[in-house]
Amino acid sequence: MMKDAIERIRMFEDNIDLRLKLFDQRLDLNHTVLDSLKALVPALSDAGVSWNENNDKLDALMKMLQRHFGSEAGLEYDN
């Protein structure tokens, strides 16, 4: 009876050790994902700035073309 209790305690201890190891692995993975997301923020921010700059340039080009050629009113054609 005592041997069975000791065996169960050892199995429980092994189970806890395995769970702690898995928890540590998941924690490491979460840190890796968090670091990746932190590195992604500046890249997305730069892309947003570039996007806005390109839109501003296209708007300026459209205004210049409209001043030169007139507005697009009446240029809709049915194909």
Protein backbone atom coordinates (compact mmCIF):
# COMPACT_ATOMS: atom_id res chain seq x y z
CA MET A 1 0.00 0.00 0.00
CA MET A 2 2.80 2.40 0.85
CA LYS A 3 4.60 1.49 -2.39
CA ASP A 4 1.47 2.35 -4.38
CA ALA A 5 1.19 5.72 -2.67
CA ILE A 6 4.86 6.49 -3.34
CA GLU A 7 4.46 5.45 -6.98
CA ARG A 8 1.42 7.69 -7.39
CA ILE A 9 3.26 10.61 -5.83
CA ARG A 10 6.18 10.06 -8.25
CA MET A 11 3.78 9.91 -11.20
CA PHE A 12 2.13 13.10 -9.99
CA GLU A 13 5.54 14.76 -9.65
CA ASP A 14 6.50 13.67 -13.19
CA ASN A 15 3.22 15.03 -14.47
CA ILE A 16 3.81 18.37 -12.76
CA ASP A 17 7.36 18.54 -14.12
CA LEU A 18 6.11 17.90 -17.64
CA ARG A 19 3.41 20.55 -17.29
CA LEU A 20 5.96 23.08 -16.03
CA LYS A 21 8.25 22.30 -18.95
CA LEU A 22 5.38 22.78 -21.40
CA PHE A 23 4.38 25.99 -19.66
CA ASP A 24 7.94 27.31 -19.99
CA GLN A 25 7.98 26.42 -23.70
CA ARG A 26 4.69 28.23 -24.26
CA LEU A 27 5.97 31.23 -22.34
CA ASP A 28 9.08 31.33 -24.54
CA LEU A 29 6.90 31.12 -27.63
CA ASN A 30 4.71 33.96 -26.35
CA HIS A 31 7.79 36.11 -25.78
CA THR A 32 8.99 35.37 -29.31
CA VAL A 33 5.62 36.33 -30.77
CA LEU A 34 5.52 39.51 -28.67
CA ASP A 35 9.02 40.50 -29.82
CA SER A 36 8.01 39.86 -33.43
CA LEU A 37 4.92 42.03 -33.07
CA LYS A 38 6.98 44.80 -31.47
CA ALA A 39 9.36 44.68 -34.44
CA LEU A 40 6.43 44.80 -36.84
CA VAL A 41 4.97 48.04 -35.46
CA PRO A 42 7.66 50.38 -36.87
CA ALA A 43 7.54 48.65 -40.25
CA LEU A 44 3.77 49.08 -40.46
CA SER A 45 4.08 52.66 -39.32
CA ASP A 46 6.62 53.39 -42.06
CA ALA A 47 4.36 51.71 -44.61
CA GLY A 48 1.46 53.90 -43.47
CA VAL A 49 3.56 57.04 -43.85
CA SER A 50 4.66 55.96 -47.34
CA TRP A 51 1.06 55.20 -48.24
CA ASN A 52 -0.04 58.66 -47.15
CA GLU A 53 2.83 60.32 -49.01
CA ASN A 54 1.94 58.43 -52.20
CA ASN A 55 -1.72 59.42 -51.85
CA ASP A 56 -0.73 63.07 -51.39
CA LYS A 57 1.46 62.89 -54.51
CA LEU A 58 -1.35 61.32 -56.53
CA ASP A 59 -3.78 63.97 -55.32
CA ALA A 60 -1.35 66.70 -56.39
CA LEU A 61 -0.90 65.03 -59.79
CA MET A 62 -4.67 64.79 -60.28
CA LYS A 63 -5.10 68.48 -59.42
CA MET A 64 -2.35 69.43 -61.86
CA LEU A 65 -3.94 67.33 -64.62
CA GLN A 66 -7.36 68.83 -63.90
CA ARG A 67 -5.93 72.35 -64.10
CA HIS A 68 -4.23 71.50 -67.39
CA PHE A 69 -6.94 69.44 -69.07
CA GLY A 70 -10.02 70.49 -67.15
CA SER A 71 -12.12 68.37 -64.86
CA GLU A 72 -13.22 64.84 -65.57
CA ALA A 73 -16.87 65.95 -65.91
CA GLY A 74 -18.40 64.63 -69.10
CA LEU A 75 -15.62 62.11 -69.67
CA GLU A 76 -17.63 59.09 -68.56
CA TYR A 77 -18.16 56.90 -71.57
CA ASP A 78 -20.33 53.82 -71.85
CA ASN A 79 -18.31 50.96 -73.26
